[in-house]
C-alpha atoms as a PDB file:
ATOM      1  CA  MET A   1      95.063  -4.818 -85.877  1.00  0.00           C
ATOM      2  CA  SER A   2      93.088  -4.904 -82.080  1.00  0.00           C
ATOM      3  CA  THR A   3      95.290  -5.879 -79.018  1.00  0.00           C
ATOM      4  CA  GLU A   4      95.559  -9.651 -78.309  1.00  0.00           C
ATOM      5  CA  PRO A   5      95.916 -10.885 -74.558  1.00  0.00           C
ATOM      6  CA  ILE A   6      98.515 -12.523 -73.342  1.00  0.00           C
ATOM      7  CA  THR A   7      99.958 -13.759 -69.986  1.00  0.00           C
ATOM      8  CA  ILE A   8     103.028 -12.546 -68.605  1.00  0.00           C
ATOM      9  CA  ASP A   9     105.385 -16.020 -69.150  1.00  0.00           C
ATOM     10  CA  GLY A  10     103.623 -16.168 -72.873  1.00  0.00           C
ATOM     11  CA  ALA A  11     105.220 -12.871 -73.197  1.00  0.00           C
ATOM     12  CA  LYS A  12     108.368 -13.474 -71.835  1.00  0.00           C
ATOM     13  CA  LYS A  13     108.803 -16.584 -74.455  1.00  0.00           C
ATOM     14  CA  LEU A  14     108.283 -14.167 -77.007  1.00  0.00           C
ATOM     15  CA  GLN A  15     111.088 -11.638 -75.744  1.00  0.00           C
ATOM     16  CA  ASP A  16     113.548 -14.320 -75.196  1.00  0.00           C
ATOM     17  CA  GLU A  17     112.763 -16.022 -78.893  1.00  0.00           C
ATOM     18  CA  LEU A  18     113.283 -12.347 -80.287  1.00  0.00           C
ATOM     19  CA  ALA A  19     116.672 -11.907 -78.208  1.00  0.00           C
ATOM     20  CA  LEU A  20     117.660 -15.006 -79.878  1.00  0.00           C
ATOM     21  CA  LEU A  21     116.498 -14.626 -83.641  1.00  0.00           C
ATOM     22  CA  THR A  22     118.125 -11.046 -83.303  1.00  0.00           C
ATOM     23  CA  GLY A  23     121.209 -11.916 -81.595  1.00  0.00           C
ATOM     24  CA  SER A  24     122.883 -15.154 -82.155  1.00  0.00           C
ATOM     25  CA  LYS A  25     120.662 -16.737 -84.913  1.00  0.00           C
ATOM     26  CA  ARG A  26     120.934 -13.747 -87.208  1.00  0.00           C
ATOM     27  CA  GLN A  27     124.924 -13.598 -86.858  1.00  0.00           C
ATOM     28  CA  GLU A  28     125.125 -17.206 -87.844  1.00  0.00           C
ATOM     29  CA  VAL A  29     122.632 -16.690 -90.700  1.00  0.00           C
ATOM     30  CA  ILE A  30     125.062 -13.805 -92.046  1.00  0.00           C
ATOM     31  CA  LYS A  31     127.880 -15.947 -91.458  1.00  0.00           C
ATOM     32  CA  ALA A  32     126.714 -18.785 -93.390  1.00  0.00           C
ATOM     33  CA  ILE A  33     125.739 -16.269 -96.464  1.00  0.00           C
ATOM     34  CA  ALA A  34     129.097 -15.020 -96.511  1.00  0.00           C
ATOM     35  CA  GLU A  35     131.032 -18.602 -96.278  1.00  0.00           C
ATOM     36  CA  ALA A  36     128.654 -19.738 -99.328  1.00  0.00           C
ATOM     37  CA  ARG A  37     129.120 -16.479-100.901  1.00  0.00           C
ATOM     38  CA  ALA A  38     132.901 -17.470-100.805  1.00  0.00           C
ATOM     39  CA  HIS A  39     132.344 -20.711-102.842  1.00  0.00           C
ATOM     40  CA  GLY A  40     131.928 -18.835-106.177  1.00  0.00           C
ATOM     41  CA  ASP A  41     129.103 -18.714-108.539  1.00  0.00           C
ATOM     42  CA  LEU A  42     125.776 -17.753-107.004  1.00  0.00           C
ATOM     43  CA  LYS A  43     123.360 -19.029-109.428  1.00  0.00           C
ATOM     44  CA  GLU A  44     123.920 -22.444-108.647  1.00  0.00           C
ATOM     45  CA  ASN A  45     125.075 -22.243-105.144  1.00  0.00           C
ATOM     46  CA  ALA A  46     123.023 -24.274-103.263  1.00  0.00           C
ATOM     47  CA  GLU A  47     124.523 -23.329-100.218  1.00  0.00           C
ATOM     48  CA  TYR A  48     123.843 -19.832-100.779  1.00  0.00           C
ATOM     49  CA  HIS A  49     120.327 -20.283-101.698  1.00  0.00           C
ATOM     50  CA  ALA A  50     119.528 -22.322 -98.722  1.00  0.00           C
ATOM     51  CA  ALA A  51     121.334 -19.685 -96.274  1.00  0.00           C
ATOM     52  CA  LYS A  52     119.229 -16.672 -98.032  1.00  0.00           C
ATOM     53  CA  GLU A  53     115.978 -18.734 -97.362  1.00  0.00           C
ATOM     54  CA  GLU A  54     117.133 -19.260 -93.878  1.00  0.00           C
ATOM     55  CA  GLN A  55     117.523 -15.498 -93.368  1.00  0.00           C
ATOM     56  CA  SER A  56     114.283 -14.946 -95.078  1.00  0.00           C
ATOM     57  CA  HIS A  57     112.544 -17.244 -92.520  1.00  0.00           C
ATOM     58  CA  ASN A  58     114.232 -15.869 -89.590  1.00  0.00           C
ATOM     59  CA  GLU A  59     113.900 -12.263 -90.558  1.00  0.00           C
ATOM     60  CA  GLY A  60     109.940 -13.270 -90.698  1.00  0.00           C
ATOM     61  CA  ARG A  61     109.725 -14.439 -87.608  1.00  0.00           C
ATOM     62  CA  ILE A  62     111.286 -11.477 -86.172  1.00  0.00           C
ATOM     63  CA  GLN A  63     108.780  -9.448 -87.943  1.00  0.00           C
ATOM     64  CA  GLU A  64     105.917 -11.476 -86.377  1.00  0.00           C
ATOM     65  CA  ILE A  65     107.070 -11.413 -83.271  1.00  0.00           C
ATOM     66  CA  GLN A  66     107.483  -8.008 -83.082  1.00  0.00           C
ATOM     67  CA  SER A  67     104.097  -7.524 -84.222  1.00  0.00           C
ATOM     68  CA  LEU A  68     102.192  -9.799 -81.867  1.00  0.00           C
ATOM     69  CA  LEU A  69     104.458  -7.961 -79.092  1.00  0.00           C
ATOM     70  CA  ALA A  70     103.609  -4.643 -80.218  1.00  0.00           C
ATOM     71  CA  ASN A  71      99.549  -5.542 -79.937  1.00  0.00           C
ATOM     72  CA  ALA A  72      99.656  -7.537 -76.703  1.00  0.00           C
ATOM     73  CA  GLU A  73      97.882  -6.482 -73.935  1.00  0.00           C
ATOM     74  CA  ILE A  74      99.937  -8.434 -71.200  1.00  0.00           C
ATOM     75  CA  ILE A  75      97.855  -9.741 -68.576  1.00  0.00           C
ATOM     76  CA  ASP A  76      98.837 -10.357 -65.227  1.00  0.00           C
ATOM     77  CA  ILE A  77      96.917 -12.927 -63.193  1.00  0.00           C
ATOM     78  CA  LYS A  78      97.465 -11.406 -60.085  1.00  0.00           C
ATOM     79  CA  ASN A  79      95.961  -7.855 -60.700  1.00  0.00           C
ATOM     80  CA  ILE A  80      92.573  -9.551 -62.158  1.00  0.00           C
ATOM     81  CA  ASN A  81      90.055  -9.373 -59.813  1.00  0.00           C
ATOM     82  CA  LYS A  82      88.951 -12.888 -59.833  1.00  0.00           C
ATOM     83  CA  ASP A  83      85.770 -13.139 -57.831  1.00  0.00           C
ATOM     84  CA  SER A  84      86.675 -17.339 -57.364  1.00  0.00           C
ATOM     85  CA  LYS A  85      85.843 -17.262 -61.153  1.00  0.00           C
ATOM     86  CA  VAL A  86      87.778 -18.563 -64.555  1.00  0.00           C
ATOM     87  CA  VAL A  87      89.221 -16.052 -65.868  1.00  0.00           C
ATOM     88  CA  PHE A  88      92.059 -15.401 -68.447  1.00  0.00           C
ATOM     89  CA  GLY A  89      95.490 -16.849 -67.140  1.00  0.00           C
ATOM     90  CA  CYS A  90      93.937 -18.999 -64.595  1.00  0.00           C
ATOM     91  CA  THR A  91      94.411 -22.867 -64.422  1.00  0.00           C
ATOM     92  CA  VAL A  92      91.344 -24.817 -64.177  1.00  0.00           C
ATOM     93  CA  LYS A  93      90.994 -28.439 -63.079  1.00  0.00           C
ATOM     94  CA  LEU A  94      88.304 -30.518 -64.210  1.00  0.00           C
ATOM     95  CA  LYS A  95      86.921 -33.888 -63.997  1.00  0.00           C
ATOM     96  CA  ASP A  96      85.570 -35.651 -66.826  1.00  0.00           C
ATOM     97  CA  LEU A  97      81.810 -36.941 -65.950  1.00  0.00           C
ATOM     98  CA  GLU A  98      81.615 -39.842 -68.166  1.00  0.00           C
ATOM     99  CA  THR A  99      85.407 -41.520 -67.205  1.00  0.00           C
ATOM    100  CA  ASP A 100      86.053 -39.330 -64.355  1.00  0.00           C
ATOM    101  CA  GLU A 101      89.536 -38.742 -65.930  1.00  0.00           C
ATOM    102  CA  LYS A 102      91.202 -35.565 -64.419  1.00  0.00           C
ATOM    103  CA  LYS A 103      92.233 -32.695 -66.743  1.00  0.00           C
ATOM    104  CA  VAL A 104      93.987 -29.666 -66.079  1.00  0.00           C
ATOM    105  CA  PHE A 105      94.382 -26.638 -68.505  1.00  0.00           C
ATOM    106  CA  LYS A 106      95.384 -22.739 -68.288  1.00  0.00           C
ATOM    107  CA  ILE A 107      93.617 -20.511 -70.336  1.00  0.00           C
ATOM    108  CA  VAL A 108      96.155 -18.302 -72.327  1.00  0.00           C
ATOM    109  CA  GLY A 109      96.260 -16.190 -75.442  1.00  0.00           C
ATOM    110  CA  HIS A 110      95.790 -17.589 -78.758  1.00  0.00           C
ATOM    111  CA  GLU A 111      99.536 -17.370 -79.889  1.00  0.00           C
ATOM    112  CA  GLU A 112     100.788 -19.190 -76.852  1.00  0.00           C
ATOM    113  CA  ALA A 113      98.321 -22.004 -76.978  1.00  0.00           C
ATOM    114  CA  ASP A 114      99.940 -25.328 -76.460  1.00  0.00           C
ATOM    115  CA  ILE A 115      97.750 -28.498 -76.049  1.00  0.00           C
ATOM    116  CA  ASP A 116     100.613 -30.698 -75.349  1.00  0.00           C
ATOM    117  CA  ASN A 117     101.474 -28.689 -72.230  1.00  0.00           C
ATOM    118  CA  ASN A 118      97.861 -28.302 -71.379  1.00  0.00           C
ATOM    119  CA  LEU A 119      97.391 -24.382 -72.489  1.00  0.00           C
ATOM    120  CA  ILE A 120      94.511 -23.574 -74.404  1.00  0.00           C
ATOM    121  CA  SER A 121      93.624 -20.520 -76.107  1.00  0.00           C
ATOM    122  CA  TYR A 122      90.878 -18.213 -74.432  1.00  0.00           C
ATOM    123  CA  LYS A 123      89.199 -18.670 -77.987  1.00  0.00           C
ATOM    124  CA  SER A 124      89.064 -22.486 -77.731  1.00  0.00           C
ATOM    125  CA  PRO A 125      85.747 -24.046 -77.398  1.00  0.00           C
ATOM    126  CA  VAL A 126      86.855 -25.365 -73.929  1.00  0.00           C
ATOM    127  CA  ALA A 127      88.079 -22.081 -72.804  1.00  0.00           C
ATOM    128  CA  LYS A 128      85.000 -20.296 -73.843  1.00  0.00           C
ATOM    129  CA  GLU A 129      82.747 -22.604 -71.801  1.00  0.00           C
ATOM    130  CA  LEU A 130      84.839 -22.377 -68.908  1.00  0.00           C
ATOM    131  CA  ILE A 131      85.544 -18.621 -68.425  1.00  0.00           C
ATOM    132  CA  GLY A 132      83.038 -17.067 -65.949  1.00  0.00           C
ATOM    133  CA  LYS A 133      82.458 -20.444 -64.388  1.00  0.00           C
ATOM    134  CA  GLU A 134      83.019 -20.889 -60.767  1.00  0.00           C
ATOM    135  CA  LYS A 135      84.264 -24.203 -58.753  1.00  0.00           C
ATOM    136  CA  ASP A 136      81.687 -27.151 -58.917  1.00  0.00           C
ATOM    137  CA  ASP A 137      79.974 -25.986 -61.549  1.00  0.00           C
ATOM    138  CA  PHE A 138      79.475 -28.274 -64.629  1.00  0.00           C
ATOM    139  CA  VAL A 139      79.957 -27.244 -68.229  1.00  0.00           C
ATOM    140  CA  MET A 140      79.331 -28.989 -71.781  1.00  0.00           C
ATOM    141  CA  VAL A 141      81.460 -28.685 -74.136  1.00  0.00           C
ATOM    142  CA  ASN A 142      81.304 -29.476 -78.084  1.00  0.00           C
ATOM    143  CA  THR A 143      84.595 -30.793 -79.202  1.00  0.00           C
ATOM    144  CA  PRO A 144      85.698 -32.659 -82.234  1.00  0.00           C
ATOM    145  CA  LYS A 145      85.290 -35.681 -80.316  1.00  0.00           C
ATOM    146  CA  GLY A 146      81.450 -35.120 -79.578  1.00  0.00           C
ATOM    147  CA  GLU A 147      80.092 -33.443 -76.671  1.00  0.00           C
ATOM    148  CA  LYS A 148      81.995 -33.867 -73.299  1.00  0.00           C
ATOM    149  CA  SER A 149      80.585 -33.030 -69.590  1.00  0.00           C
ATOM    150  CA  TYR A 150      82.749 -31.824 -67.301  1.00  0.00           C
ATOM    151  CA  GLU A 151      83.065 -30.616 -63.773  1.00  0.00           C
ATOM    152  CA  ILE A 152      85.088 -28.144 -62.256  1.00  0.00           C
ATOM    153  CA  THR A 153      87.001 -29.160 -59.460  1.00  0.00           C
ATOM    154  CA  ALA A 154      89.653 -26.502 -58.749  1.00  0.00           C
ATOM    155  CA  ILE A 155      90.229 -22.884 -60.189  1.00  0.00           C
ATOM    156  CA  LEU A 156      94.282 -21.809 -59.659  1.00  0.00           C
ATOM    157  CA  TYR A 157      95.257 -18.193 -60.028  1.00  0.00           C
ATOM    158  CA  GLU A 158      99.037 -18.364 -60.726  1.00  0.00           C
END
């Protein structure tokens, strides 16, 4: 598997989630299994089967996060040669040329993308069009809702 870029914030969130899952969450699941096991017959014990399923989900997510972190290339925006261009990890302010609506996106790794929080994957159509552009440049993006035209109004390296 090749490396996947991730921001420092994204890596920290994954590390925090991993600590939670391997710590208190794992202990909760072990306790639930023990309690369910104490109720007797395991074949028809719904609590036991639910606890075992929860354990499977928890351990699967632990393995997934460990793999993501092992293959992550953590990128610190402060250490990138920016040259006033849109790069991975920066925040871009845009103006929709049709509606004058303002949008703000931060370009992040695929695993940390969250459109509800304006975090877009560097693999997304919008990010692909933005990367390498400068302030006051115009970009045209094919979206599921059709073609959109934007002007880059600001680039922040935070």
